[in-house]
Amino acid sequence: MARSTGVPGARAQRRPATVLDALPAWATTGVGSLPHTFPEHAAAHVLGEYDVPFCPQLPRLEGDMVREWLGADPADCAWSPERDRERPAAWDAFLAALARRPPEHRVVKLQVTGPVTLARALEPDAARAARPLAREIATWLAANAAGQVEALRARGLHALLVVDEPALAARAAAPEVWEPLRAVAPAWGLHLCCAVPWGLVERAAPDVLSFDLARGGLDRRGAHAVRAHLARGGRVAWGVLAAHRPERAAHAAWRLCAALARAGLSAATAGPSSLLTASCGTGRLSPRREAEVTAALCSVATSARHGAVRDVRGRA
C-alpha cells in the first residue's frame, strides 16, 4: 500500500515503495565531511552515532570538496573524463565497519561534489562554457559513484547518493545535468548549503532535498516548495544546526519548530519523510564539536519522535 504524505492540503498519492521507506522518522545523518584524521575512527563514528551512516569525507587527508575530486588546484589542472580518482580515503574502513555493524534499514549515504560546482571551479568566469562541461563531469562522477553503489549492493545495502551543489547559489543549471547521477543509485538527493533555488529543485525532483535551514529559515516560497516536495513523496533533510556556531539542541529544536509551523506541518506528519542534519559538514571543525553536533541531533530527533519538540520552542 502506498503511504500517504500526511501533508495538509495535499492529495494522498500512490507511489511505489522505495528503499528510503525503511528509514525511521527523523533519522539523523551527516552532510559528509568529518574532522577525523584516521579513517577507522571516522568509520566507527558514523556507524555508532548516526541513524543513516555515510561514507566519511576527510578534508584533513583529501582536501576540500573540490580537491577531493579534481586532485589539484582547479585553476592549474586540465580535466578530462579519463582522470583517475581513487576511492575516498575512508572507503575501505567504511566497508569494514559496515560489515561489522550494518544498519537495520540497510540504507547507506554516499556524497559526491556536484557537477555544477566542479564545472564552476574549473570555469569560474565562463558560465556558458561550464554548462556542457558540467554534463560531461556528471557522467564521469556517475561512473565513479556506480562502483561504490555496486559494492554496497553486493553487501545487501542500498545507496542514497547525495549531490552537493553549493555553486547553485551563483550558477544556473538545468535539471538534466544530474540525470547520470540519478540513474546509478536506488535513491538520490541534492544538498544545498546556499540560497535554495526552489524552482530548480522542484523541476529536478530529488528523492531527498537536504538544505541549510540555519542559513535563513524558511520563507513563504520555500514553505510552498517543501510542501509540494513532500506531497509528491520526496523527503527533506533539515539542516537544523549551524555547526560552525556554538549552537545546541535548543537552537536546532526552535529552528525546526519554526520551519514546520511555516510549512503547515507537524512533527508527527513530517517525521516519516524527514531526516535531521547539521547545516554543513564538520570537516574543518574539531572532533569535540562533531561530538556536540551528533548529541544535539540525537536529542532533537528523540523529542520530535515523541511529539515533544514543540515544547522546546518557547525555551530556546
C-alpha atoms as a PDB file:
ATOM      1  CA  MET A   1       0.000   0.000   0.000  1.00  0.00           C
ATOM      2  CA  ALA A   2       1.302   3.431  -0.868  1.00  0.00           C
ATOM      3  CA  ARG A   3       1.925   5.655   2.094  1.00  0.00           C
ATOM      4  CA  SER A   4       0.067   8.909   2.486  1.00  0.00           C
ATOM      5  CA  THR A   5       2.153  12.031   2.686  1.00  0.00           C
ATOM      6  CA  GLY A   6       0.281  13.458   5.650  1.00  0.00           C
ATOM      7  CA  VAL A   7       0.830  16.926   4.192  1.00  0.00           C
ATOM      8  CA  PRO A   8      -2.078  19.312   4.797  1.00  0.00           C
ATOM      9  CA  GLY A   9      -3.944  20.150   1.622  1.00  0.00           C
ATOM     10  CA  ALA A  10      -2.144  17.507  -0.428  1.00  0.00           C
ATOM     11  CA  ARG A  11      -3.814  14.600  -2.124  1.00  0.00           C
ATOM     12  CA  ALA A  12      -2.822  11.138  -0.970  1.00  0.00           C
ATOM     13  CA  GLN A  13      -0.576   9.851  -3.717  1.00  0.00           C
ATOM     14  CA  ARG A  14       0.088   6.382  -4.946  1.00  0.00           C
ATOM     15  CA  ARG A  15       3.813   5.966  -5.246  1.00  0.00           C
ATOM     16  CA  PRO A  16       6.000   2.893  -5.437  1.00  0.00           C
ATOM     17  CA  ALA A  17       7.768   1.851  -2.287  1.00  0.00           C
ATOM     18  CA  THR A  18      11.406   2.940  -2.167  1.00  0.00           C
ATOM     19  CA  VAL A  19      14.413   1.868  -0.133  1.00  0.00           C
ATOM     20  CA  LEU A  20      14.021   5.071   1.904  1.00  0.00           C
ATOM     21  CA  ASP A  21      10.694   3.872   3.312  1.00  0.00           C
ATOM     22  CA  ALA A  22      12.664   1.722   5.768  1.00  0.00           C
ATOM     23  CA  LEU A  23      14.208   4.766   7.467  1.00  0.00           C
ATOM     24  CA  PRO A  24      12.931   5.751  10.916  1.00  0.00           C
ATOM     25  CA  ALA A  25      11.170   9.069  11.398  1.00  0.00           C
ATOM     26  CA  TRP A  26      13.571  11.950  11.966  1.00  0.00           C
ATOM     27  CA  ALA A  27      16.602   9.825  11.117  1.00  0.00           C
ATOM     28  CA  THR A  28      19.879  11.615  11.808  1.00  0.00           C
ATOM     29  CA  THR A  29      22.723  11.705   9.319  1.00  0.00           C
ATOM     30  CA  GLY A  30      25.720  13.828   8.417  1.00  0.00           C
ATOM     31  CA  VAL A  31      26.351  16.048   5.435  1.00  0.00           C
ATOM     32  CA  GLY A  32      29.623  14.298   4.624  1.00  0.00           C
ATOM     33  CA  SER A  33      32.862  15.746   5.965  1.00  0.00           C
ATOM     34  CA  LEU A  34      34.286  14.874   9.365  1.00  0.00           C
ATOM     35  CA  PRO A  35      37.287  16.259  11.293  1.00  0.00           C
ATOM     36  CA  HIS A  36      38.940  12.870  11.817  1.00  0.00           C
ATOM     37  CA  THR A  37      42.469  12.035  10.701  1.00  0.00           C
ATOM     38  CA  PHE A  38      42.194   8.249  10.925  1.00  0.00           C
ATOM     39  CA  PRO A  39      39.681   6.580   8.567  1.00  0.00           C
ATOM     40  CA  GLU A  40      38.953   3.777  11.013  1.00  0.00           C
ATOM     41  CA  HIS A  41      37.890   6.273  13.688  1.00  0.00           C
ATOM     42  CA  ALA A  42      35.696   8.167  11.228  1.00  0.00           C
ATOM     43  CA  ALA A  43      34.010   4.978  10.017  1.00  0.00           C
ATOM     44  CA  ALA A  44      33.318   3.780  13.544  1.00  0.00           C
ATOM     45  CA  HIS A  45      31.891   7.199  14.388  1.00  0.00           C
ATOM     46  CA  VAL A  46      29.346   7.317  11.553  1.00  0.00           C
ATOM     47  CA  LEU A  47      28.170   3.772  12.301  1.00  0.00           C
ATOM     48  CA  GLY A  48      27.811   4.453  16.007  1.00  0.00           C
ATOM     49  CA  GLU A  49      26.443   7.995  16.156  1.00  0.00           C
ATOM     50  CA  TYR A  50      24.109   8.442  13.160  1.00  0.00           C
ATOM     51  CA  ASP A  51      20.901   6.665  12.151  1.00  0.00           C
ATOM     52  CA  VAL A  52      21.941   6.738   8.483  1.00  0.00           C
ATOM     53  CA  PRO A  53      25.674   6.026   8.144  1.00  0.00           C
ATOM     54  CA  PHE A  54      27.573   7.848   5.418  1.00  0.00           C
ATOM     55  CA  CYS A  55      30.961   7.390   3.815  1.00  0.00           C
ATOM     56  CA  PRO A  56      33.136   9.952   5.622  1.00  0.00           C
ATOM     57  CA  GLN A  57      34.860  12.672   3.643  1.00  0.00           C
ATOM     58  CA  LEU A  58      38.096  13.608   5.393  1.00  0.00           C
ATOM     59  CA  PRO A  59      39.408  17.070   4.391  1.00  0.00           C
ATOM     60  CA  ARG A  60      42.488  16.599   6.570  1.00  0.00           C
ATOM     61  CA  LEU A  61      43.531  13.769   4.233  1.00  0.00           C
ATOM     62  CA  GLU A  62      41.769  14.576   0.945  1.00  0.00           C
ATOM     63  CA  GLY A  63      41.489  18.346   0.812  1.00  0.00           C
ATOM     64  CA  ASP A  64      38.275  20.298   0.330  1.00  0.00           C
ATOM     65  CA  MET A  65      35.270  19.102  -1.669  1.00  0.00           C
ATOM     66  CA  VAL A  66      36.747  20.295  -4.983  1.00  0.00           C
ATOM     67  CA  ARG A  67      40.283  18.988  -4.484  1.00  0.00           C
ATOM     68  CA  GLU A  68      38.833  15.672  -3.304  1.00  0.00           C
ATOM     69  CA  TRP A  69      37.557  15.048  -6.833  1.00  0.00           C
ATOM     70  CA  LEU A  70      39.907  17.019  -9.069  1.00  0.00           C
ATOM     71  CA  GLY A  71      43.048  16.238  -7.118  1.00  0.00           C
ATOM     72  CA  ALA A  72      44.682  19.610  -7.740  1.00  0.00           C
ATOM     73  CA  ASP A  73      44.109  23.326  -7.747  1.00  0.00           C
ATOM     74  CA  PRO A  74      41.304  23.737 -10.333  1.00  0.00           C
ATOM     75  CA  ALA A  75      42.975  26.853 -11.714  1.00  0.00           C
ATOM     76  CA  ASP A  76      46.053  24.838 -12.657  1.00  0.00           C
ATOM     77  CA  CYS A  77      44.601  21.493 -13.697  1.00  0.00           C
ATOM     78  CA  ALA A  78      43.341  20.223 -17.009  1.00  0.00           C
ATOM     79  CA  TRP A  79      40.337  17.991 -16.558  1.00  0.00           C
ATOM     80  CA  SER A  80      39.324  15.074 -18.729  1.00  0.00           C
ATOM     81  CA  PRO A  81      36.956  12.103 -18.239  1.00  0.00           C
ATOM     82  CA  GLU A  82      39.984   9.838 -18.090  1.00  0.00           C
ATOM     83  CA  ARG A  83      41.272  11.441 -14.909  1.00  0.00           C
ATOM     84  CA  ASP A  84      41.747   8.652 -12.391  1.00  0.00           C
ATOM     85  CA  ARG A  85      40.164   9.021  -8.997  1.00  0.00           C
ATOM     86  CA  GLU A  86      40.766   6.619  -6.152  1.00  0.00           C
ATOM     87  CA  ARG A  87      38.056   5.715  -3.703  1.00  0.00           C
ATOM     88  CA  PRO A  88      37.604   8.027  -0.702  1.00  0.00           C
ATOM     89  CA  ALA A  89      40.312   7.704   1.933  1.00  0.00           C
ATOM     90  CA  ALA A  90      37.821   6.175   4.379  1.00  0.00           C
ATOM     91  CA  TRP A  91      36.209   3.777   1.881  1.00  0.00           C
ATOM     92  CA  ASP A  92      37.890   0.511   2.920  1.00  0.00           C
ATOM     93  CA  ALA A  93      37.484   1.308   6.623  1.00  0.00           C
ATOM     94  CA  PHE A  94      33.845   2.224   5.989  1.00  0.00           C
ATOM     95  CA  LEU A  95      33.115  -1.089   4.252  1.00  0.00           C
ATOM     96  CA  ALA A  96      34.790  -2.969   7.090  1.00  0.00           C
ATOM     97  CA  ALA A  97      32.700  -1.092   9.673  1.00  0.00           C
ATOM     98  CA  LEU A  98      29.523  -1.794   7.690  1.00  0.00           C
ATOM     99  CA  ALA A  99      30.363  -5.497   7.644  1.00  0.00           C
ATOM    100  CA  ARG A 100      30.603  -5.472  11.439  1.00  0.00           C
ATOM    101  CA  ARG A 101      27.541  -3.317  12.051  1.00  0.00           C
ATOM    102  CA  PRO A 102      25.178  -2.915   9.091  1.00  0.00           C
ATOM    103  CA  PRO A 103      22.183  -0.643   9.733  1.00  0.00           C
ATOM    104  CA  GLU A 104      18.891  -2.463  10.162  1.00  0.00           C
ATOM    105  CA  HIS A 105      17.235  -0.374   7.449  1.00  0.00           C
ATOM    106  CA  ARG A 106      20.123  -1.217   5.032  1.00  0.00           C
ATOM    107  CA  VAL A 107      20.387   2.365   3.716  1.00  0.00           C
ATOM    108  CA  VAL A 108      23.822   3.952   3.368  1.00  0.00           C
ATOM    109  CA  LYS A 109      24.514   7.521   2.260  1.00  0.00           C
ATOM    110  CA  LEU A 110      27.167   8.466  -0.283  1.00  0.00           C
ATOM    111  CA  GLN A 111      28.177  12.004  -1.276  1.00  0.00           C
ATOM    112  CA  VAL A 112      29.695  13.483  -4.412  1.00  0.00           C
ATOM    113  CA  THR A 113      30.663  17.055  -5.154  1.00  0.00           C
ATOM    114  CA  GLY A 114      28.169  18.152  -7.785  1.00  0.00           C
ATOM    115  CA  PRO A 115      28.986  18.640 -11.480  1.00  0.00           C
ATOM    116  CA  VAL A 116      27.821  22.265 -11.465  1.00  0.00           C
ATOM    117  CA  THR A 117      30.136  23.048  -8.551  1.00  0.00           C
ATOM    118  CA  LEU A 118      33.121  21.289 -10.135  1.00  0.00           C
ATOM    119  CA  ALA A 119      32.464  22.947 -13.502  1.00  0.00           C
ATOM    120  CA  ARG A 120      32.358  26.366 -11.856  1.00  0.00           C
ATOM    121  CA  ALA A 121      35.665  25.639 -10.104  1.00  0.00           C
ATOM    122  CA  LEU A 122      37.212  24.834 -13.485  1.00  0.00           C
ATOM    123  CA  GLU A 123      35.487  27.656 -15.393  1.00  0.00           C
ATOM    124  CA  PRO A 124      34.790  30.378 -12.801  1.00  0.00           C
ATOM    125  CA  ASP A 125      34.358  33.159 -15.346  1.00  0.00           C
ATOM    126  CA  ALA A 126      32.749  31.325 -18.261  1.00  0.00           C
ATOM    127  CA  ALA A 127      29.226  30.233 -17.388  1.00  0.00           C
ATOM    128  CA  ARG A 128      28.394  29.254 -20.962  1.00  0.00           C
ATOM    129  CA  ALA A 129      31.474  27.019 -21.280  1.00  0.00           C
ATOM    130  CA  ALA A 130      30.770  25.462 -17.886  1.00  0.00           C
ATOM    131  CA  ARG A 131      27.352  24.109 -18.883  1.00  0.00           C
ATOM    132  CA  PRO A 132      28.498  21.395 -21.309  1.00  0.00           C
ATOM    133  CA  LEU A 133      31.447  20.736 -19.015  1.00  0.00           C
ATOM    134  CA  ALA A 134      29.051  20.096 -16.114  1.00  0.00           C
ATOM    135  CA  ARG A 135      27.174  17.498 -18.167  1.00  0.00           C
ATOM    136  CA  GLU A 136      30.434  15.756 -19.027  1.00  0.00           C
ATOM    137  CA  ILE A 137      31.587  15.817 -15.413  1.00  0.00           C
ATOM    138  CA  ALA A 138      28.231  14.395 -14.273  1.00  0.00           C
ATOM    139  CA  THR A 139      28.798  11.323 -16.453  1.00  0.00           C
ATOM    140  CA  TRP A 140      32.292  10.917 -15.002  1.00  0.00           C
ATOM    141  CA  LEU A 141      31.012  11.319 -11.436  1.00  0.00           C
ATOM    142  CA  ALA A 142      28.283   8.757 -12.062  1.00  0.00           C
ATOM    143  CA  ALA A 143      30.823   6.232 -13.321  1.00  0.00           C
ATOM    144  CA  ASN A 144      32.874   6.712 -10.151  1.00  0.00           C
ATOM    145  CA  ALA A 145      29.862   6.533  -7.859  1.00  0.00           C
ATOM    146  CA  ALA A 146      28.481   3.456  -9.627  1.00  0.00           C
ATOM    147  CA  GLY A 147      31.378   1.377  -8.308  1.00  0.00           C
ATOM    148  CA  GLN A 148      30.582   2.381  -4.736  1.00  0.00           C
ATOM    149  CA  VAL A 149      26.859   1.773  -5.227  1.00  0.00           C
ATOM    150  CA  GLU A 150      27.568  -1.687  -6.625  1.00  0.00           C
ATOM    151  CA  ALA A 151      29.929  -2.542  -3.757  1.00  0.00           C
ATOM    152  CA  LEU A 152      27.163  -1.679  -1.296  1.00  0.00           C
ATOM    153  CA  ARG A 153      24.586  -3.613  -3.308  1.00  0.00           C
ATOM    154  CA  ALA A 154      26.806  -6.703  -3.212  1.00  0.00           C
ATOM    155  CA  ARG A 155      26.659  -6.467   0.577  1.00  0.00           C
ATOM    156  CA  GLY A 156      22.874  -6.169   0.641  1.00  0.00           C
ATOM    157  CA  LEU A 157      22.905  -2.413   1.240  1.00  0.00           C
ATOM    158  CA  HIS A 158      21.071   0.388  -0.591  1.00  0.00           C
ATOM    159  CA  ALA A 159      22.776   3.643  -1.562  1.00  0.00           C
ATOM    160  CA  LEU A 160      21.340   7.107  -1.173  1.00  0.00           C
ATOM    161  CA  LEU A 161      23.588   9.207  -3.427  1.00  0.00           C
ATOM    162  CA  VAL A 162      23.565  12.895  -2.432  1.00  0.00           C
ATOM    163  CA  VAL A 163      24.969  15.512  -4.812  1.00  0.00           C
ATOM    164  CA  ASP A 164      26.496  18.529  -3.048  1.00  0.00           C
ATOM    165  CA  GLU A 165      25.940  21.716  -5.089  1.00  0.00           C
ATOM    166  CA  PRO A 166      26.870  24.924  -3.220  1.00  0.00           C
ATOM    167  CA  ALA A 167      27.598  26.635  -6.571  1.00  0.00           C
ATOM    168  CA  LEU A 168      23.896  26.728  -7.422  1.00  0.00           C
ATOM    169  CA  ALA A 169      23.777  29.982  -5.474  1.00  0.00           C
ATOM    170  CA  ALA A 170      25.752  31.620  -8.293  1.00  0.00           C
ATOM    171  CA  ARG A 171      25.426  29.385 -11.339  1.00  0.00           C
ATOM    172  CA  ALA A 172      22.225  28.388 -13.145  1.00  0.00           C
ATOM    173  CA  ALA A 173      21.682  24.768 -14.154  1.00  0.00           C
ATOM    174  CA  ALA A 174      19.183  22.567 -15.935  1.00  0.00           C
ATOM    175  CA  PRO A 175      17.782  19.591 -14.010  1.00  0.00           C
ATOM    176  CA  GLU A 176      19.003  17.243 -16.732  1.00  0.00           C
ATOM    177  CA  VAL A 177      22.596  17.778 -15.602  1.00  0.00           C
ATOM    178  CA  TRP A 178      22.040  15.314 -12.727  1.00  0.00           C
ATOM    179  CA  GLU A 179      20.417  12.554 -14.786  1.00  0.00           C
ATOM    180  CA  PRO A 180      23.561  10.372 -14.939  1.00  0.00           C
ATOM    181  CA  LEU A 181      23.836  10.503 -11.148  1.00  0.00           C
ATOM    182  CA  ARG A 182      20.125   9.878 -10.638  1.00  0.00           C
ATOM    183  CA  ALA A 183      20.417   6.736 -12.747  1.00  0.00           C
ATOM    184  CA  VAL A 184      23.149   4.928 -10.799  1.00  0.00           C
ATOM    185  CA  ALA A 185      21.612   4.695  -7.316  1.00  0.00           C
ATOM    186  CA  PRO A 186      18.311   3.473  -5.838  1.00  0.00           C
ATOM    187  CA  ALA A 187      17.761   6.968  -4.397  1.00  0.00           C
ATOM    188  CA  TRP A 188      19.391  10.334  -4.962  1.00  0.00           C
ATOM    189  CA  GLY A 189      19.396  13.728  -3.311  1.00  0.00           C
ATOM    190  CA  LEU A 190      20.599  17.306  -3.563  1.00  0.00           C
ATOM    191  CA  HIS A 191      22.422  19.046  -0.731  1.00  0.00           C
ATOM    192  CA  LEU A 192      22.387  22.853  -0.859  1.00  0.00           C
ATOM    193  CA  CYS A 193      24.335  24.863   1.700  1.00  0.00           C
ATOM    194  CA  CYS A 194      23.423  28.028  -0.174  1.00  0.00           C
ATOM    195  CA  ALA A 195      20.329  30.038  -1.012  1.00  0.00           C
ATOM    196  CA  VAL A 196      17.995  27.362  -2.351  1.00  0.00           C
ATOM    197  CA  PRO A 197      16.810  27.844  -5.963  1.00  0.00           C
ATOM    198  CA  TRP A 198      13.361  26.464  -5.213  1.00  0.00           C
ATOM    199  CA  GLY A 199      12.126  26.430  -8.790  1.00  0.00           C
ATOM    200  CA  LEU A 200      15.105  24.362  -9.918  1.00  0.00           C
ATOM    201  CA  VAL A 201      14.645  21.960  -7.001  1.00  0.00           C
ATOM    202  CA  GLU A 202      11.007  21.457  -7.957  1.00  0.00           C
ATOM    203  CA  ARG A 203      11.994  20.646 -11.544  1.00  0.00           C
ATOM    204  CA  ALA A 204      14.846  18.341 -10.509  1.00  0.00           C
ATOM    205  CA  ALA A 205      12.561  16.442  -8.077  1.00  0.00           C
ATOM    206  CA  PRO A 206      15.268  14.728  -5.988  1.00  0.00           C
ATOM    207  CA  ASP A 207      14.252  11.906  -3.683  1.00  0.00           C
ATOM    208  CA  VAL A 208      15.858  13.849  -0.816  1.00  0.00           C
ATOM    209  CA  LEU A 209      16.267  17.606  -0.525  1.00  0.00           C
ATOM    210  CA  SER A 210      18.985  18.460   2.001  1.00  0.00           C
ATOM    211  CA  PHE A 211      19.286  22.160   2.766  1.00  0.00           C
ATOM    212  CA  ASP A 212      20.700  24.624   5.257  1.00  0.00           C
ATOM    213  CA  LEU A 213      17.739  25.663   7.382  1.00  0.00           C
ATOM    214  CA  ALA A 214      20.115  27.511   9.703  1.00  0.00           C
ATOM    215  CA  ARG A 215      21.060  29.928   6.908  1.00  0.00           C
ATOM    216  CA  GLY A 216      17.843  31.917   6.867  1.00  0.00           C
ATOM    217  CA  GLY A 217      14.910  29.828   7.971  1.00  0.00           C
ATOM    218  CA  LEU A 218      12.100  29.002   5.594  1.00  0.00           C
ATOM    219  CA  ASP A 219      10.375  31.799   3.695  1.00  0.00           C
ATOM    220  CA  ARG A 220       6.960  31.615   2.024  1.00  0.00           C
ATOM    221  CA  ARG A 221       8.379  30.388  -1.297  1.00  0.00           C
ATOM    222  CA  GLY A 222      10.408  27.729   0.459  1.00  0.00           C
ATOM    223  CA  ALA A 223       7.462  26.590   2.563  1.00  0.00           C
ATOM    224  CA  HIS A 224       5.369  26.088  -0.568  1.00  0.00           C
ATOM    225  CA  ALA A 225       8.174  24.137  -2.255  1.00  0.00           C
ATOM    226  CA  VAL A 226       8.737  21.914   0.770  1.00  0.00           C
ATOM    227  CA  ARG A 227       5.024  21.093   0.978  1.00  0.00           C
ATOM    228  CA  ALA A 228       4.967  20.228  -2.730  1.00  0.00           C
ATOM    229  CA  HIS A 229       8.134  18.153  -2.396  1.00  0.00           C
ATOM    230  CA  LEU A 230       6.671  16.129   0.466  1.00  0.00           C
ATOM    231  CA  ALA A 231       3.326  15.805  -1.288  1.00  0.00           C
ATOM    232  CA  ARG A 232       4.926  14.071  -4.260  1.00  0.00           C
ATOM    233  CA  GLY A 233       6.665  11.593  -1.953  1.00  0.00           C
ATOM    234  CA  GLY A 234      10.025  13.310  -1.529  1.00  0.00           C
ATOM    235  CA  ARG A 235      11.952  13.604   1.699  1.00  0.00           C
ATOM    236  CA  VAL A 236      13.612  16.548   3.415  1.00  0.00           C
ATOM    237  CA  ALA A 237      16.889  16.539   5.317  1.00  0.00           C
ATOM    238  CA  TRP A 238      16.518  19.591   7.536  1.00  0.00           C
ATOM    239  CA  GLY A 239      19.866  21.270   8.268  1.00  0.00           C
ATOM    240  CA  VAL A 240      18.788  22.435  11.688  1.00  0.00           C
ATOM    241  CA  LEU A 241      22.107  23.112  13.424  1.00  0.00           C
ATOM    242  CA  ALA A 242      24.814  25.594  12.386  1.00  0.00           C
ATOM    243  CA  ALA A 243      27.854  23.536  13.334  1.00  0.00           C
ATOM    244  CA  HIS A 244      30.273  26.456  12.959  1.00  0.00           C
ATOM    245  CA  ARG A 245      28.411  28.437  15.635  1.00  0.00           C
ATOM    246  CA  PRO A 246      28.123  27.465  19.332  1.00  0.00           C
ATOM    247  CA  GLU A 247      24.605  26.109  18.933  1.00  0.00           C
ATOM    248  CA  ARG A 248      22.996  23.312  20.901  1.00  0.00           C
ATOM    249  CA  ALA A 249      19.862  21.178  20.721  1.00  0.00           C
ATOM    250  CA  ALA A 250      17.581  24.002  21.863  1.00  0.00           C
ATOM    251  CA  HIS A 251      18.618  26.179  18.917  1.00  0.00           C
ATOM    252  CA  ALA A 252      18.016  23.320  16.473  1.00  0.00           C
ATOM    253  CA  ALA A 253      14.639  22.448  18.004  1.00  0.00           C
ATOM    254  CA  TRP A 254      13.456  26.061  17.871  1.00  0.00           C
ATOM    255  CA  ARG A 255      14.556  26.365  14.247  1.00  0.00           C
ATOM    256  CA  LEU A 256      12.808  23.124  13.269  1.00  0.00           C
ATOM    257  CA  CYS A 257       9.596  24.139  15.035  1.00  0.00           C
ATOM    258  CA  ALA A 258       9.534  27.482  13.258  1.00  0.00           C
ATOM    259  CA  ALA A 259      10.055  25.851   9.862  1.00  0.00           C
ATOM    260  CA  LEU A 260       7.375  23.213  10.430  1.00  0.00           C
ATOM    261  CA  ALA A 261       4.920  25.874  11.528  1.00  0.00           C
ATOM    262  CA  ARG A 262       5.712  27.989   8.446  1.00  0.00           C
ATOM    263  CA  ALA A 263       5.107  24.969   6.205  1.00  0.00           C
ATOM    264  CA  GLY A 264       1.893  23.990   7.999  1.00  0.00           C
ATOM    265  CA  LEU A 265       3.358  20.684   9.184  1.00  0.00           C
ATOM    266  CA  SER A 266       3.628  18.883  12.489  1.00  0.00           C
ATOM    267  CA  ALA A 267       6.444  16.700  13.782  1.00  0.00           C
ATOM    268  CA  ALA A 268       4.161  13.671  13.526  1.00  0.00           C
ATOM    269  CA  THR A 269       3.130  14.221   9.901  1.00  0.00           C
ATOM    270  CA  ALA A 270       6.536  15.324   8.624  1.00  0.00           C
ATOM    271  CA  GLY A 271       8.607  12.822  10.592  1.00  0.00           C
ATOM    272  CA  PRO A 272       8.328   9.762   8.320  1.00  0.00           C
ATOM    273  CA  SER A 273       9.575  11.896   5.417  1.00  0.00           C
ATOM    274  CA  SER A 274      12.279  13.777   7.320  1.00  0.00           C
ATOM    275  CA  LEU A 275      15.918  13.490   8.267  1.00  0.00           C
ATOM    276  CA  LEU A 276      17.953  15.736  10.551  1.00  0.00           C
ATOM    277  CA  THR A 277      21.438  17.021   9.774  1.00  0.00           C
ATOM    278  CA  ALA A 278      23.751  19.861  10.611  1.00  0.00           C
ATOM    279  CA  SER A 279      23.760  22.693   8.100  1.00  0.00           C
ATOM    280  CA  CYS A 280      27.086  21.584   6.647  1.00  0.00           C
ATOM    281  CA  GLY A 281      29.908  19.133   7.291  1.00  0.00           C
ATOM    282  CA  THR A 282      32.256  19.423  10.265  1.00  0.00           C
ATOM    283  CA  GLY A 283      35.498  18.593   8.448  1.00  0.00           C
ATOM    284  CA  ARG A 284      37.131  21.917   9.302  1.00  0.00           C
ATOM    285  CA  LEU A 285      35.981  21.905  12.932  1.00  0.00           C
ATOM    286  CA  SER A 286      37.119  19.793  15.884  1.00  0.00           C
ATOM    287  CA  PRO A 287      36.227  16.222  16.903  1.00  0.00           C
ATOM    288  CA  ARG A 288      34.762  17.683  20.075  1.00  0.00           C
ATOM    289  CA  ARG A 289      32.417  19.918  18.070  1.00  0.00           C
ATOM    290  CA  GLU A 290      31.409  16.967  15.891  1.00  0.00           C
ATOM    291  CA  ALA A 291      30.504  15.047  19.067  1.00  0.00           C
ATOM    292  CA  GLU A 292      28.381  18.002  20.226  1.00  0.00           C
ATOM    293  CA  VAL A 293      26.607  18.071  16.848  1.00  0.00           C
ATOM    294  CA  THR A 294      25.716  14.382  16.945  1.00  0.00           C
ATOM    295  CA  ALA A 295      24.441  14.693  20.523  1.00  0.00           C
ATOM    296  CA  ALA A 296      22.275  17.694  19.611  1.00  0.00           C
ATOM    297  CA  LEU A 297      20.796  15.989  16.556  1.00  0.00           C
ATOM    298  CA  CYS A 298      20.025  12.866  18.579  1.00  0.00           C
ATOM    299  CA  SER A 299      18.280  14.956  21.230  1.00  0.00           C
ATOM    300  CA  VAL A 300      16.106  16.801  18.706  1.00  0.00           C
ATOM    301  CA  ALA A 301      15.240  13.572  16.875  1.00  0.00           C
ATOM    302  CA  THR A 302      14.162  11.904  20.112  1.00  0.00           C
ATOM    303  CA  SER A 303      11.997  14.883  21.042  1.00  0.00           C
ATOM    304  CA  ALA A 304      10.422  15.026  17.583  1.00  0.00           C
ATOM    305  CA  ARG A 305       9.598  11.318  17.620  1.00  0.00           C
ATOM    306  CA  HIS A 306       7.808  11.741  20.929  1.00  0.00           C
ATOM    307  CA  GLY A 307       5.991  14.893  19.869  1.00  0.00           C
ATOM    308  CA  ALA A 308       7.878  16.967  22.415  1.00  0.00           C
ATOM    309  CA  VAL A 309       9.924  19.117  20.068  1.00  0.00           C
ATOM    310  CA  ARG A 310       7.250  21.812  20.170  1.00  0.00           C
ATOM    311  CA  ASP A 311       7.841  22.204  23.902  1.00  0.00           C
ATOM    312  CA  VAL A 312      11.389  23.384  23.339  1.00  0.00           C
ATOM    313  CA  ARG A 313      10.399  26.311  21.121  1.00  0.00           C
ATOM    314  CA  GLY A 314       9.393  28.625  23.923  1.00  0.00           C
ATOM    315  CA  ARG A 315      12.562  27.956  25.951  1.00  0.00           C
ATOM    316  CA  ALA A 316      15.221  28.098  23.219  1.00  0.00           C
END
